[in-house]
């Protein structure tokens, strides 16, 4: 939802935002600044290490996807930092010049491309295998760790 908002706003080409668009931009930037890192930590600190410790043939395909997902996290982090900087400039100045608007649009488009495949891999491979094969005690530990990140 928040990425979709950034994509739609990127099509404004940096022009002046009305109150609704400004609020949507601020909310989306806040989500990616505060909540998205928790999701990354959920995967990289809680889920992925447990999956790597599993020595099951069924898990091998998913494990092979974890390194690329983590690399995508790093690329997405860099893009989010750039989008956050430009988005905050847009809010503060009321508009973006053509160069900044193009960079904002390009960075948001790259994020959308990364997330499309990233989410597909998570939803079709990683999460279903983890859901089926991780022992209940491990799932409960992951849930506790996720909850602690959000307190």
Protein backbone atom coordinates (compact mmCIF):
# COMPACT_ATOMS: atom_id res chain seq x y z
CA UNK A 1 0.00 0.00 0.00
CA UNK A 2 2.71 2.48 1.01
CA UNK A 3 4.86 1.64 -1.99
CA UNK A 4 1.83 2.09 -4.25
CA UNK A 5 1.35 5.53 -2.73
CA UNK A 6 4.96 6.45 -3.50
CA UNK A 7 4.56 5.20 -7.07
CA UNK A 8 1.43 7.32 -7.56
CA UNK A 9 3.09 10.37 -6.04
CA UNK A 10 6.18 9.92 -8.19
CA UNK A 11 3.90 10.53 -11.18
CA UNK A 12 3.26 14.07 -9.87
CA UNK A 13 6.72 14.95 -11.26
CA UNK A 14 7.59 17.03 -8.23
CA UNK A 15 4.73 19.47 -8.58
CA UNK A 16 3.13 21.06 -5.55
CA UNK A 17 1.30 18.64 -3.27
CA UNK A 18 -2.13 19.29 -1.89
CA UNK A 19 -2.76 18.50 1.79
CA UNK A 20 -3.98 14.97 1.06
CA UNK A 21 -0.99 14.10 -1.13
CA UNK A 22 1.44 15.64 1.38
CA UNK A 23 -0.07 13.57 4.21
CA UNK A 24 0.10 10.42 2.07
CA UNK A 25 3.75 11.10 1.28
CA UNK A 26 4.63 11.74 4.92
CA UNK A 27 2.80 8.57 6.03
CA UNK A 28 4.52 6.43 3.39
CA UNK A 29 7.95 7.83 4.21
CA UNK A 30 7.32 7.18 7.92
CA UNK A 31 6.30 3.58 7.22
CA UNK A 32 9.46 2.84 5.27
CA UNK A 33 11.61 4.67 7.82
CA UNK A 34 10.13 2.97 10.90
CA UNK A 35 8.20 -0.21 10.08
CA UNK A 36 10.05 -1.63 7.08
CA UNK A 37 13.35 -2.06 9.01
CA UNK A 38 11.45 -4.18 11.54
CA UNK A 39 10.21 -6.44 8.76
CA UNK A 40 13.78 -6.80 7.48
CA UNK A 41 14.97 -7.65 10.99
CA UNK A 42 12.14 -10.18 11.34
CA UNK A 43 13.54 -11.99 8.33
CA UNK A 44 17.28 -11.53 8.80
CA UNK A 45 17.47 -11.94 12.58
CA UNK A 46 14.62 -14.35 13.29
CA UNK A 47 13.42 -16.33 10.29
CA UNK A 48 16.39 -16.75 7.94
CA UNK A 49 18.89 -17.99 10.57
CA UNK A 50 16.42 -20.65 11.72
CA UNK A 51 15.79 -21.76 8.16
CA UNK A 52 19.53 -21.99 7.49
CA UNK A 53 19.93 -24.29 10.52
CA UNK A 54 17.33 -26.70 9.16
CA UNK A 55 18.97 -29.57 7.33
CA UNK A 56 15.99 -30.66 5.24
CA UNK A 57 15.98 -31.20 1.49
CA UNK A 58 12.65 -29.35 1.20
CA UNK A 59 14.25 -26.23 2.64
CA UNK A 60 17.20 -26.08 0.23
CA UNK A 61 15.35 -24.13 -2.50
CA UNK A 62 14.18 -21.55 0.00
CA UNK A 63 17.63 -21.28 1.58
CA UNK A 64 19.09 -20.63 -1.86
CA UNK A 65 16.81 -17.58 -2.09
CA UNK A 66 17.83 -16.06 1.25
CA UNK A 67 21.16 -14.51 0.19
CA UNK A 68 19.60 -12.71 -2.79
CA UNK A 69 16.75 -11.50 -0.55
CA UNK A 70 19.25 -10.10 1.94
CA UNK A 71 21.15 -8.35 -0.87
CA UNK A 72 17.86 -6.86 -2.03
CA UNK A 73 17.29 -5.60 1.52
CA UNK A 74 20.59 -3.70 1.31
CA UNK A 75 19.73 -2.20 -2.10
CA UNK A 76 16.23 -1.31 -0.91
CA UNK A 77 17.69 0.34 2.21
CA UNK A 78 19.85 2.61 0.04
CA UNK A 79 16.93 3.47 -2.23
CA UNK A 80 14.67 4.17 0.74
CA UNK A 81 17.26 6.56 2.17
CA UNK A 82 17.34 8.45 -1.13
CA UNK A 83 13.54 8.45 -1.46
CA UNK A 84 13.21 9.60 2.15
CA UNK A 85 15.63 12.48 1.58
CA UNK A 86 13.89 13.60 -1.61
CA UNK A 87 10.43 13.08 -0.14
CA UNK A 88 11.27 15.16 2.91
CA UNK A 89 12.66 17.87 0.63
CA UNK A 90 9.39 17.75 -1.34
CA UNK A 91 7.36 18.18 1.83
CA UNK A 92 9.57 20.99 3.15
CA UNK A 93 9.86 22.95 -0.09
CA UNK A 94 6.41 22.20 -1.45
CA UNK A 95 7.76 20.92 -4.78
CA UNK A 96 10.79 19.23 -6.35
CA UNK A 97 12.84 20.56 -9.22
CA UNK A 98 12.87 18.47 -12.40
CA UNK A 99 16.13 16.70 -11.57
CA UNK A 100 15.00 15.68 -8.08
CA UNK A 101 11.58 14.65 -9.38
CA UNK A 102 13.23 12.37 -11.95
CA UNK A 103 15.49 10.82 -9.30
CA UNK A 104 12.51 10.31 -6.98
CA UNK A 105 10.55 8.63 -9.77
CA UNK A 106 13.49 6.42 -10.81
CA UNK A 107 14.27 5.35 -7.24
CA UNK A 108 10.62 4.57 -6.49
CA UNK A 109 10.33 2.59 -9.74
CA UNK A 110 13.42 0.58 -8.83
CA UNK A 111 11.98 -0.11 -5.39
CA UNK A 112 8.73 -1.28 -6.95
CA UNK A 113 10.66 -3.66 -9.19
CA UNK A 114 12.68 -5.05 -6.31
CA UNK A 115 9.63 -5.55 -4.11
CA UNK A 116 7.55 -7.23 -6.79
CA UNK A 117 9.98 -10.14 -7.17
CA UNK A 118 11.02 -10.05 -3.50
CA UNK A 119 7.45 -10.44 -2.29
CA UNK A 120 6.77 -13.18 -4.83
CA UNK A 121 9.74 -15.22 -3.56
CA UNK A 122 8.71 -14.68 0.05
CA UNK A 123 5.04 -15.52 -0.54
CA UNK A 124 5.54 -18.46 -2.92
CA UNK A 125 8.70 -20.09 -1.56
CA UNK A 126 10.18 -18.87 1.71
CA UNK A 127 7.13 -18.29 3.93
CA UNK A 128 5.18 -21.42 2.90
CA UNK A 129 8.19 -23.66 3.54
CA UNK A 130 8.92 -21.97 6.85
CA UNK A 131 5.27 -22.27 7.83
CA UNK A 132 5.17 -25.98 7.04
CA UNK A 133 8.57 -27.09 8.31
CA UNK A 134 9.65 -24.87 11.20
CA UNK A 135 8.78 -26.50 14.51
CA UNK A 136 6.10 -24.80 16.58
CA UNK A 137 8.62 -23.80 19.25
CA UNK A 138 10.65 -21.93 16.59
CA UNK A 139 7.56 -20.20 15.22
CA UNK A 140 6.63 -19.11 18.74
CA UNK A 141 10.15 -17.73 19.29
CA UNK A 142 9.96 -15.81 16.02
CA UNK A 143 6.59 -14.37 17.05
CA UNK A 144 8.01 -13.24 20.41
CA UNK A 145 11.00 -11.62 18.72
CA UNK A 146 8.75 -9.84 16.23
CA UNK A 147 6.53 -8.58 19.04
CA UNK A 148 9.56 -7.30 20.97
CA UNK A 149 10.72 -5.31 17.91
CA UNK A 150 7.38 -3.54 17.79
CA UNK A 151 7.22 -2.51 21.45
